[in-house]
C-alpha atoms as a PDB file:
ATOM      1  CA  MET A   1      70.803  86.121  58.047  1.00  0.00           C
ATOM      2  CA  PRO A   2      67.898  85.033  56.174  1.00  0.00           C
ATOM      3  CA  SER A   3      64.789  87.270  55.693  1.00  0.00           C
ATOM      4  CA  ILE A   4      61.194  86.209  55.785  1.00  0.00           C
ATOM      5  CA  ALA A   5      61.416  85.930  51.961  1.00  0.00           C
ATOM      6  CA  SER A   6      64.309  83.519  52.369  1.00  0.00           C
ATOM      7  CA  ILE A   7      62.231  81.426  54.683  1.00  0.00           C
ATOM      8  CA  PHE A   8      59.672  80.847  51.915  1.00  0.00           C
ATOM      9  CA  LEU A   9      62.344  80.093  49.519  1.00  0.00           C
ATOM     10  CA  LEU A  10      63.323  77.214  51.692  1.00  0.00           C
ATOM     11  CA  GLN A  11      59.924  75.654  51.101  1.00  0.00           C
ATOM     12  CA  SER A  12      61.477  73.299  48.776  1.00  0.00           C
ATOM     13  CA  THR A  13      63.371  71.648  51.734  1.00  0.00           C
ATOM     14  CA  LEU A  14      60.013  71.074  53.579  1.00  0.00           C
ATOM     15  CA  ALA A  15      58.506  69.741  50.351  1.00  0.00           C
ATOM     16  CA  LEU A  16      61.259  67.189  50.211  1.00  0.00           C
ATOM     17  CA  LEU A  17      60.628  66.336  53.724  1.00  0.00           C
ATOM     18  CA  SER A  18      56.822  65.787  53.007  1.00  0.00           C
ATOM     19  CA  LEU A  19      57.831  63.273  50.327  1.00  0.00           C
ATOM     20  CA  VAL A  20      60.067  61.427  52.809  1.00  0.00           C
ATOM     21  CA  GLN A  21      57.029  61.580  55.124  1.00  0.00           C
ATOM     22  CA  ALA A  22      55.129  59.429  52.472  1.00  0.00           C
ATOM     23  CA  ASN A  23      57.562  56.625  52.870  1.00  0.00           C
ATOM     24  CA  PRO A  24      55.622  53.700  54.252  1.00  0.00           C
ATOM     25  CA  VAL A  25      58.683  51.958  55.829  1.00  0.00           C
ATOM     26  CA  LEU A  26      59.248  54.521  58.570  1.00  0.00           C
ATOM     27  CA  PRO A  27      56.855  55.226  61.444  1.00  0.00           C
ATOM     28  CA  GLN A  28      54.638  58.205  60.865  1.00  0.00           C
ATOM     29  CA  SER A  29      55.703  59.829  64.140  1.00  0.00           C
ATOM     30  CA  LEU A  30      59.366  59.919  62.983  1.00  0.00           C
ATOM     31  CA  HIS A  31      58.268  61.795  59.742  1.00  0.00           C
ATOM     32  CA  ASP A  32      56.163  64.250  61.629  1.00  0.00           C
ATOM     33  CA  GLN A  33      59.010  64.882  64.178  1.00  0.00           C
ATOM     34  CA  ALA A  34      61.373  65.563  61.247  1.00  0.00           C
ATOM     35  CA  ILE A  35      59.079  68.078  59.621  1.00  0.00           C
ATOM     36  CA  VAL A  36      58.494  69.948  62.974  1.00  0.00           C
ATOM     37  CA  LEU A  37      62.250  70.239  63.660  1.00  0.00           C
ATOM     38  CA  ALA A  38      62.972  71.403  60.175  1.00  0.00           C
ATOM     39  CA  GLN A  39      60.252  74.006  60.450  1.00  0.00           C
ATOM     40  CA  LYS A  40      61.443  75.261  63.712  1.00  0.00           C
ATOM     41  CA  ALA A  41      65.007  75.442  62.424  1.00  0.00           C
ATOM     42  CA  ILE A  42      63.989  77.560  59.544  1.00  0.00           C
ATOM     43  CA  VAL A  43      62.053  79.957  61.775  1.00  0.00           C
ATOM     44  CA  GLN A  44      64.828  80.180  64.245  1.00  0.00           C
ATOM     45  CA  ALA A  45      67.380  80.820  61.658  1.00  0.00           C
ATOM     46  CA  SER A  46      65.388  83.946  60.723  1.00  0.00           C
ATOM     47  CA  ALA A  47      64.832  85.099  64.249  1.00  0.00           C
ATOM     48  CA  THR A  48      68.029  87.154  64.490  1.00  0.00           C
ATOM     49  CA  SER A  49      67.645  88.918  60.957  1.00  0.00           C
ATOM     50  CA  SER A  50      66.707  92.640  60.769  1.00  0.00           C
ATOM     51  CA  ASP A  51      63.223  91.844  59.907  1.00  0.00           C
ATOM     52  CA  ASP A  52      62.476  89.723  62.869  1.00  0.00           C
ATOM     53  CA  ILE A  53      59.327  87.608  63.406  1.00  0.00           C
ATOM     54  CA  SER A  54      57.931  87.841  67.019  1.00  0.00           C
ATOM     55  CA  ALA A  55      55.138  85.806  68.191  1.00  0.00           C
ATOM     56  CA  SER A  56      53.138  85.427  71.423  1.00  0.00           C
ATOM     57  CA  PHE A  57      50.645  82.478  71.810  1.00  0.00           C
ATOM     58  CA  SER A  58      49.191  82.096  75.127  1.00  0.00           C
ATOM     59  CA  ALA A  59      46.364  80.431  76.983  1.00  0.00           C
ATOM     60  CA  ASP A  60      44.553  81.230  80.255  1.00  0.00           C
ATOM     61  CA  THR A  61      44.806  77.632  81.232  1.00  0.00           C
ATOM     62  CA  LEU A  62      46.593  74.541  80.112  1.00  0.00           C
ATOM     63  CA  SER A  63      44.917  71.751  82.069  1.00  0.00           C
ATOM     64  CA  GLY A  64      41.516  70.993  83.709  1.00  0.00           C
ATOM     65  CA  THR A  65      38.547  68.903  83.565  1.00  0.00           C
ATOM     66  CA  ALA A  66      36.323  68.374  80.497  1.00  0.00           C
ATOM     67  CA  PRO A  67      34.461  70.259  79.259  1.00  0.00           C
ATOM     68  CA  LEU A  68      37.510  72.704  79.418  1.00  0.00           C
ATOM     69  CA  THR A  69      37.209  76.209  78.001  1.00  0.00           C
ATOM     70  CA  VAL A  70      40.698  77.645  76.946  1.00  0.00           C
ATOM     71  CA  ASN A  71      40.969  81.245  76.070  1.00  0.00           C
ATOM     72  CA  PHE A  72      43.698  81.612  73.609  1.00  0.00           C
ATOM     73  CA  SER A  73      45.479  84.935  72.611  1.00  0.00           C
ATOM     74  CA  GLU A  74      47.841  85.215  69.550  1.00  0.00           C
ATOM     75  CA  LEU A  75      49.891  88.146  68.294  1.00  0.00           C
ATOM     76  CA  ILE A  76      52.455  87.915  65.557  1.00  0.00           C
ATOM     77  CA  ASN A  77      54.564  90.801  64.322  1.00  0.00           C
ATOM     78  CA  MET A  78      56.395  90.451  61.008  1.00  0.00           C
ATOM     79  CA  PRO A  79      58.033  92.137  58.250  1.00  0.00           C
ATOM     80  CA  SER A  80      55.716  94.446  55.834  1.00  0.00           C
ATOM     81  CA  ASP A  81      56.794  92.077  52.875  1.00  0.00           C
ATOM     82  CA  PHE A  82      55.209  89.139  54.360  1.00  0.00           C
ATOM     83  CA  SER A  83      52.287  88.189  52.138  1.00  0.00           C
ATOM     84  CA  GLY A  84      51.079  84.777  53.774  1.00  0.00           C
ATOM     85  CA  SER A  85      48.610  84.064  56.633  1.00  0.00           C
ATOM     86  CA  ALA A  86      48.609  82.755  60.046  1.00  0.00           C
ATOM     87  CA  ILE A  87      46.586  79.884  61.263  1.00  0.00           C
ATOM     88  CA  VAL A  88      45.870  78.457  64.905  1.00  0.00           C
ATOM     89  CA  PHE A  89      45.299  74.850  65.410  1.00  0.00           C
ATOM     90  CA  PHE A  90      43.451  73.783  68.610  1.00  0.00           C
ATOM     91  CA  GLY A  91      44.741  70.118  68.470  1.00  0.00           C
ATOM     92  CA  ASP A  92      41.228  68.837  68.647  1.00  0.00           C
ATOM     93  CA  THR A  93      39.833  66.822  65.892  1.00  0.00           C
ATOM     94  CA  ALA A  94      36.493  67.170  64.027  1.00  0.00           C
ATOM     95  CA  LYS A  95      35.716  64.601  61.563  1.00  0.00           C
ATOM     96  CA  GLY A  96      39.196  63.342  61.649  1.00  0.00           C
ATOM     97  CA  LEU A  97      40.724  66.846  60.806  1.00  0.00           C
ATOM     98  CA  PRO A  98      42.442  69.207  63.174  1.00  0.00           C
ATOM     99  CA  THR A  99      40.171  72.239  64.175  1.00  0.00           C
ATOM    100  CA  SER A 100      41.805  75.363  63.125  1.00  0.00           C
ATOM    101  CA  ASP A 101      41.009  79.139  62.484  1.00  0.00           C
ATOM    102  CA  VAL A 102      42.662  81.838  60.424  1.00  0.00           C
ATOM    103  CA  VAL A 103      44.271  84.602  62.470  1.00  0.00           C
ATOM    104  CA  THR A 104      43.146  87.986  61.675  1.00  0.00           C
ATOM    105  CA  LYS A 105      45.625  90.193  59.999  1.00  0.00           C
ATOM    106  CA  VAL A 106      44.976  93.681  61.840  1.00  0.00           C
ATOM    107  CA  SER A 107      47.786  95.642  59.960  1.00  0.00           C
ATOM    108  CA  VAL A 108      50.455  95.244  57.314  1.00  0.00           C
ATOM    109  CA  THR A 109      52.959  93.940  59.976  1.00  0.00           C
ATOM    110  CA  ARG A 110      50.619  92.252  62.526  1.00  0.00           C
ATOM    111  CA  PHE A 111      48.157  89.238  63.147  1.00  0.00           C
ATOM    112  CA  GLN A 112      46.253  89.248  66.241  1.00  0.00           C
ATOM    113  CA  GLU A 113      43.260  87.254  67.518  1.00  0.00           C
ATOM    114  CA  ASN A 114      41.730  86.018  70.641  1.00  0.00           C
ATOM    115  CA  TRP A 115      39.547  82.634  70.834  1.00  0.00           C
ATOM    116  CA  SER A 116      37.612  80.699  73.440  1.00  0.00           C
ATOM    117  CA  TYR A 117      37.820  76.896  72.580  1.00  0.00           C
ATOM    118  CA  VAL A 118      36.044  74.148  74.460  1.00  0.00           C
ATOM    119  CA  TYR A 119      37.839  70.819  74.743  1.00  0.00           C
ATOM    120  CA  ARG A 120      34.892  68.388  75.475  1.00  0.00           C
ATOM    121  CA  THR A 121      36.740  65.044  75.513  1.00  0.00           C
ATOM    122  CA  PRO A 122      39.701  64.179  78.007  1.00  0.00           C
ATOM    123  CA  GLY A 123      42.964  63.887  76.281  1.00  0.00           C
ATOM    124  CA  GLU A 124      46.125  65.432  75.453  1.00  0.00           C
ATOM    125  CA  TYR A 125      46.139  68.151  72.807  1.00  0.00           C
ATOM    126  CA  ASP A 126      48.916  70.203  71.027  1.00  0.00           C
ATOM    127  CA  ALA A 127      47.798  73.569  69.914  1.00  0.00           C
ATOM    128  CA  TYR A 128      49.991  75.190  67.236  1.00  0.00           C
ATOM    129  CA  LEU A 129      50.450  78.814  65.931  1.00  0.00           C
ATOM    130  CA  VAL A 130      51.705  78.758  62.297  1.00  0.00           C
ATOM    131  CA  LEU A 131      52.667  80.968  59.460  1.00  0.00           C
ATOM    132  CA  THR A 132      51.769  79.731  56.030  1.00  0.00           C
ATOM    133  CA  SER A 133      52.768  80.810  52.577  1.00  0.00           C
ATOM    134  CA  ALA A 134      49.444  79.516  51.162  1.00  0.00           C
ATOM    135  CA  ASP A 135      46.002  81.135  51.037  1.00  0.00           C
ATOM    136  CA  PRO A 136      43.898  79.221  53.676  1.00  0.00           C
ATOM    137  CA  ALA A 137      40.667  80.009  51.866  1.00  0.00           C
ATOM    138  CA  THR A 138      41.699  78.328  48.615  1.00  0.00           C
ATOM    139  CA  ASP A 139      44.265  75.768  50.000  1.00  0.00           C
ATOM    140  CA  LEU A 140      42.480  73.746  52.596  1.00  0.00           C
ATOM    141  CA  SER A 141      45.475  71.455  52.975  1.00  0.00           C
ATOM    142  CA  VAL A 142      47.143  74.145  55.219  1.00  0.00           C
ATOM    143  CA  ARG A 143      44.153  74.206  57.501  1.00  0.00           C
ATOM    144  CA  GLU A 144      43.812  70.403  57.792  1.00  0.00           C
ATOM    145  CA  ASN A 145      47.351  69.684  58.800  1.00  0.00           C
ATOM    146  CA  PRO A 146      49.716  71.846  61.091  1.00  0.00           C
ATOM    147  CA  LEU A 147      52.606  69.770  59.728  1.00  0.00           C
ATOM    148  CA  SER A 148      51.980  70.802  56.155  1.00  0.00           C
ATOM    149  CA  TYR A 149      55.057  71.692  54.314  1.00  0.00           C
ATOM    150  CA  LYS A 150      53.580  74.990  53.532  1.00  0.00           C
ATOM    151  CA  ASN A 151      53.085  75.814  57.222  1.00  0.00           C
ATOM    152  CA  PHE A 152      55.882  77.021  59.650  1.00  0.00           C
ATOM    153  CA  ILE A 153      55.154  76.367  63.249  1.00  0.00           C
ATOM    154  CA  LEU A 154      56.130  79.346  65.554  1.00  0.00           C
ATOM    155  CA  GLN A 155      54.877  78.124  68.887  1.00  0.00           C
ATOM    156  CA  THR A 156      53.080  75.092  70.518  1.00  0.00           C
ATOM    157  CA  LEU A 157      50.897  74.871  73.646  1.00  0.00           C
ATOM    158  CA  HIS A 158      50.071  71.656  75.254  1.00  0.00           C
ATOM    159  CA  ILE A 159      46.651  71.098  76.831  1.00  0.00           C
ATOM    160  CA  SER A 160      45.797  68.400  79.243  1.00  0.00           C
ATOM    161  CA  VAL A 161      42.099  67.627  79.752  1.00  0.00           C
ATOM    162  CA  HIS A 162      41.082  65.170  82.397  1.00  0.00           C
END
């Protein structure tokens, strides 16, 4: 079974998918779906390895009236050789970019964080919990796009705001 190190070696597969995503002939939604499926397949392939990744991503409410305050909780356990970061995307947009925040690494093998986020506009939002091999402090592309080929989606929550 592949280890977390193997997952990041498979980044070339996702890089290729990102090139396909740039193809203007196909609808953008098809490209995005292909990337999400590839990311999930890679993470699932590692789930039965001896150095499992486990993630918990929850919210105290998934629907309500705007302005809707949602309290998120994230916990990721991973092998000690993981050298990347974790990011949560709230699914809302600010200046056209997804609003995100870096999850705090509390130990060599654990990321953990709690947030309150206010959805001010009615709509449907997908919040993502991702692992990334990049440094979000220097590579802003991983904080601007949960579907970046450098990001691996662990879990998604759907938020409905009326």
